[in-house]
N, C-alpha and C. Protein backbone atom coordinates (compact mmCIF):
# COMPACT_ATOMS: atom_id res chain seq x y z
N UNK A 1 -14.24 -10.52 27.29
CA UNK A 1 -13.03 -9.91 26.76
C UNK A 1 -12.70 -10.64 25.43
N UNK A 2 -13.02 -11.86 25.32
CA UNK A 2 -12.80 -12.65 24.05
C UNK A 2 -13.57 -12.09 22.89
N UNK A 3 -14.76 -11.67 23.16
CA UNK A 3 -15.59 -11.06 22.16
C UNK A 3 -15.01 -9.83 21.53
N UNK A 4 -14.47 -8.95 22.40
CA UNK A 4 -13.76 -7.70 21.97
C UNK A 4 -12.59 -8.08 21.08
N UNK A 5 -11.85 -9.06 21.49
CA UNK A 5 -10.66 -9.45 20.70
C UNK A 5 -11.12 -9.99 19.31
N UNK A 6 -12.22 -10.76 19.30
CA UNK A 6 -12.75 -11.27 18.05
C UNK A 6 -13.18 -10.18 17.11
N UNK A 7 -13.80 -9.13 17.69
CA UNK A 7 -14.29 -8.03 16.90
C UNK A 7 -13.14 -7.25 16.33
N UNK A 8 -12.04 -7.07 17.11
CA UNK A 8 -10.83 -6.36 16.58
C UNK A 8 -10.14 -7.19 15.55
N UNK A 9 -10.17 -8.50 15.66
CA UNK A 9 -9.54 -9.35 14.60
C UNK A 9 -10.33 -9.30 13.31
N UNK A 10 -11.68 -9.30 13.41
CA UNK A 10 -12.52 -9.15 12.15
C UNK A 10 -12.25 -7.77 11.49
N UNK A 11 -12.16 -6.72 12.34
CA UNK A 11 -11.87 -5.42 11.79
C UNK A 11 -10.55 -5.36 11.09
N UNK A 12 -9.51 -5.99 11.72
CA UNK A 12 -8.16 -6.01 11.18
C UNK A 12 -8.22 -6.75 9.84
N UNK A 13 -8.89 -7.87 9.76
CA UNK A 13 -8.99 -8.67 8.55
C UNK A 13 -9.74 -7.92 7.42
N UNK A 14 -10.75 -7.19 7.83
CA UNK A 14 -11.55 -6.43 6.85
C UNK A 14 -10.64 -5.32 6.29
N UNK A 15 -9.89 -4.68 7.15
CA UNK A 15 -8.99 -3.58 6.70
C UNK A 15 -7.89 -4.18 5.79
N UNK A 16 -7.38 -5.29 6.16
CA UNK A 16 -6.35 -5.94 5.28
C UNK A 16 -6.87 -6.27 3.89
N UNK A 17 -8.15 -6.79 3.91
CA UNK A 17 -8.78 -7.16 2.65
C UNK A 17 -9.00 -5.90 1.78
N UNK A 18 -9.46 -4.84 2.42
CA UNK A 18 -9.73 -3.63 1.69
C UNK A 18 -8.45 -3.09 1.12
N UNK A 19 -7.34 -3.06 1.88
CA UNK A 19 -6.04 -2.68 1.38
C UNK A 19 -5.55 -3.48 0.29
N UNK A 20 -5.69 -4.83 0.46
CA UNK A 20 -5.25 -5.75 -0.65
C UNK A 20 -6.07 -5.46 -1.97
N UNK A 21 -7.38 -5.25 -1.82
CA UNK A 21 -8.17 -4.98 -2.98
C UNK A 21 -7.76 -3.63 -3.64
N UNK A 22 -7.51 -2.62 -2.80
CA UNK A 22 -7.16 -1.30 -3.35
C UNK A 22 -5.80 -1.34 -4.00
N UNK A 23 -4.84 -2.06 -3.44
CA UNK A 23 -3.51 -2.20 -4.02
C UNK A 23 -3.66 -2.92 -5.37
N UNK A 24 -4.44 -3.95 -5.46
CA UNK A 24 -4.67 -4.70 -6.66
C UNK A 24 -5.30 -3.93 -7.75
N UNK A 25 -6.01 -2.83 -7.42
CA UNK A 25 -6.70 -2.01 -8.41
C UNK A 25 -5.74 -0.89 -8.93
N UNK A 26 -4.59 -0.67 -8.30
CA UNK A 26 -3.68 0.29 -8.77
C UNK A 26 -3.10 -0.01 -10.13
N UNK A 27 -2.79 0.97 -10.92
CA UNK A 27 -2.17 0.61 -12.22
C UNK A 27 -0.81 -0.09 -11.91
N UNK A 28 -0.40 -0.92 -12.82
CA UNK A 28 0.81 -1.74 -12.61
C UNK A 28 2.01 -0.91 -12.24
N UNK A 29 2.23 0.21 -12.92
CA UNK A 29 3.44 1.03 -12.66
C UNK A 29 3.45 1.61 -11.23
N UNK A 30 2.27 1.85 -10.64
CA UNK A 30 2.17 2.31 -9.30
C UNK A 30 2.30 1.17 -8.28
N UNK A 31 1.58 0.08 -8.63
CA UNK A 31 1.57 -1.09 -7.72
C UNK A 31 2.92 -1.73 -7.50
N UNK A 32 3.75 -1.80 -8.54
CA UNK A 32 5.04 -2.38 -8.45
C UNK A 32 5.92 -1.56 -7.53
N UNK A 33 5.89 -0.26 -7.65
CA UNK A 33 6.73 0.60 -6.76
C UNK A 33 6.27 0.43 -5.33
N UNK A 34 4.97 0.48 -5.09
CA UNK A 34 4.47 0.34 -3.73
C UNK A 34 4.88 -1.02 -3.11
N UNK A 35 4.78 -2.04 -3.85
CA UNK A 35 5.14 -3.40 -3.34
C UNK A 35 6.64 -3.46 -3.02
N UNK A 36 7.47 -2.92 -3.94
CA UNK A 36 8.91 -2.95 -3.68
C UNK A 36 9.30 -2.15 -2.44
N UNK A 37 8.73 -1.03 -2.23
CA UNK A 37 9.11 -0.18 -1.10
C UNK A 37 8.41 -0.54 0.20
N UNK A 38 7.15 -0.72 0.19
CA UNK A 38 6.46 -0.96 1.41
C UNK A 38 6.28 -2.43 1.84
N UNK A 39 6.16 -3.25 0.89
CA UNK A 39 5.93 -4.70 1.19
C UNK A 39 7.24 -5.52 1.14
N UNK A 40 8.17 -5.12 0.35
CA UNK A 40 9.47 -5.83 0.30
C UNK A 40 10.55 -5.10 1.00
N UNK A 41 10.13 -3.94 1.57
CA UNK A 41 10.98 -3.06 2.44
C UNK A 41 12.29 -2.74 1.80
N UNK A 42 12.25 -2.34 0.48
CA UNK A 42 13.47 -1.90 -0.21
C UNK A 42 13.52 -0.39 -0.09
N UNK A 43 14.79 0.09 -0.12
CA UNK A 43 14.98 1.51 -0.15
C UNK A 43 14.56 2.05 -1.52
N UNK A 44 14.45 3.36 -1.64
CA UNK A 44 14.09 3.93 -2.96
C UNK A 44 15.10 3.58 -3.95
N UNK A 45 16.39 3.65 -3.60
CA UNK A 45 17.48 3.28 -4.60
C UNK A 45 17.38 1.81 -4.96
N UNK A 46 17.13 0.93 -3.99
CA UNK A 46 17.00 -0.50 -4.29
C UNK A 46 15.81 -0.74 -5.27
N UNK A 47 14.65 -0.14 -4.94
CA UNK A 47 13.51 -0.27 -5.74
C UNK A 47 13.78 0.21 -7.18
N UNK A 48 14.45 1.37 -7.26
CA UNK A 48 14.79 1.88 -8.62
C UNK A 48 15.60 0.93 -9.40
N UNK A 49 16.61 0.28 -8.74
CA UNK A 49 17.49 -0.63 -9.48
C UNK A 49 16.73 -1.84 -9.89
N UNK A 50 15.89 -2.39 -8.97
CA UNK A 50 15.12 -3.63 -9.29
C UNK A 50 14.19 -3.31 -10.45
N UNK A 51 13.55 -2.17 -10.47
CA UNK A 51 12.51 -1.86 -11.45
C UNK A 51 13.08 -1.23 -12.72
N UNK A 52 14.37 -0.86 -12.68
CA UNK A 52 15.00 -0.29 -13.88
C UNK A 52 14.52 1.15 -14.15
N UNK A 53 14.20 1.90 -13.05
CA UNK A 53 13.82 3.26 -13.20
C UNK A 53 14.58 4.13 -12.25
N UNK A 54 14.50 5.45 -12.40
CA UNK A 54 15.32 6.31 -11.52
C UNK A 54 14.66 6.43 -10.11
N UNK A 55 15.49 6.74 -9.10
CA UNK A 55 14.97 7.02 -7.75
C UNK A 55 13.91 8.10 -7.78
N UNK A 56 14.07 9.15 -8.58
CA UNK A 56 13.09 10.14 -8.66
C UNK A 56 11.70 9.65 -9.16
N UNK A 57 11.78 8.73 -10.11
CA UNK A 57 10.53 8.11 -10.62
C UNK A 57 9.91 7.27 -9.56
N UNK A 58 10.71 6.53 -8.78
CA UNK A 58 10.22 5.75 -7.67
C UNK A 58 9.47 6.66 -6.63
N UNK A 59 10.10 7.77 -6.31
CA UNK A 59 9.46 8.68 -5.34
C UNK A 59 8.15 9.26 -5.88
N UNK A 60 8.12 9.67 -7.18
CA UNK A 60 6.96 10.22 -7.72
C UNK A 60 5.80 9.16 -7.83
N UNK A 61 6.15 7.94 -8.28
CA UNK A 61 5.15 6.92 -8.36
C UNK A 61 4.62 6.49 -6.98
N UNK A 62 5.49 6.37 -6.02
CA UNK A 62 5.10 6.01 -4.65
C UNK A 62 4.17 7.08 -4.06
N UNK A 63 4.44 8.33 -4.30
CA UNK A 63 3.58 9.41 -3.84
C UNK A 63 2.25 9.31 -4.46
N UNK A 64 2.29 8.99 -5.78
CA UNK A 64 0.96 8.84 -6.53
C UNK A 64 0.23 7.56 -6.01
N UNK A 65 0.93 6.50 -5.79
CA UNK A 65 0.25 5.22 -5.34
C UNK A 65 -0.40 5.48 -4.06
N UNK A 66 0.31 6.12 -3.09
CA UNK A 66 -0.27 6.31 -1.75
C UNK A 66 -1.41 7.31 -1.81
N UNK A 67 -1.36 8.30 -2.69
CA UNK A 67 -2.54 9.22 -2.89
C UNK A 67 -3.73 8.42 -3.34
N UNK A 68 -3.54 7.56 -4.31
CA UNK A 68 -4.60 6.76 -4.89
C UNK A 68 -5.17 5.84 -3.77
N UNK A 69 -4.31 5.20 -3.02
CA UNK A 69 -4.81 4.34 -1.96
C UNK A 69 -5.57 5.09 -0.91
N UNK A 70 -5.14 6.25 -0.55
CA UNK A 70 -5.88 7.02 0.41
C UNK A 70 -7.26 7.36 -0.13
N UNK A 71 -7.36 7.77 -1.37
CA UNK A 71 -8.67 7.98 -1.97
C UNK A 71 -9.55 6.75 -1.96
N UNK A 72 -9.00 5.60 -2.32
CA UNK A 72 -9.78 4.39 -2.38
C UNK A 72 -10.26 3.89 -1.01
N UNK A 73 -9.40 4.18 -0.03
CA UNK A 73 -9.72 3.67 1.31
C UNK A 73 -10.43 4.68 2.22
N UNK A 74 -10.61 5.89 1.68
CA UNK A 74 -11.12 6.96 2.50
C UNK A 74 -12.41 6.61 3.14
N UNK A 75 -13.31 5.97 2.49
CA UNK A 75 -14.60 5.61 3.02
C UNK A 75 -14.53 4.55 4.09
N UNK A 76 -13.45 3.78 4.07
CA UNK A 76 -13.32 2.66 4.98
C UNK A 76 -12.48 3.04 6.29
N UNK A 77 -11.85 4.16 6.16
CA UNK A 77 -11.01 4.69 7.32
C UNK A 77 -9.84 3.65 7.62
N UNK A 78 -9.41 2.88 6.58
CA UNK A 78 -8.33 1.91 6.80
C UNK A 78 -7.00 2.69 6.76
N UNK A 79 -6.03 2.31 7.58
CA UNK A 79 -4.76 2.94 7.64
C UNK A 79 -4.01 2.76 6.31
N UNK A 80 -3.26 3.79 5.93
CA UNK A 80 -2.39 3.75 4.71
C UNK A 80 -1.02 4.15 5.15
N UNK A 81 0.01 3.37 4.78
CA UNK A 81 1.39 3.73 5.11
C UNK A 81 1.71 5.12 4.64
N UNK A 82 2.46 5.79 5.42
CA UNK A 82 2.90 7.18 4.99
C UNK A 82 4.33 7.18 4.64
């Protein structure tokens, strides 16, 4: 049973590394929105205020960032936040 847990841990680490790499390759304007909303757990309004952009721009950039991440991770089948 320990071997199975080890395999799952390696898979999880590989997925996290792939996600980290894909996020790092996003253009700055998309990466910052994604980080504020998904990693810092800010609302759209809070992210907009922090970044100095409108909530509509946050929504549009977040949608674009997630689309780009899905494309980048498609071959790896890594989960992408929705």
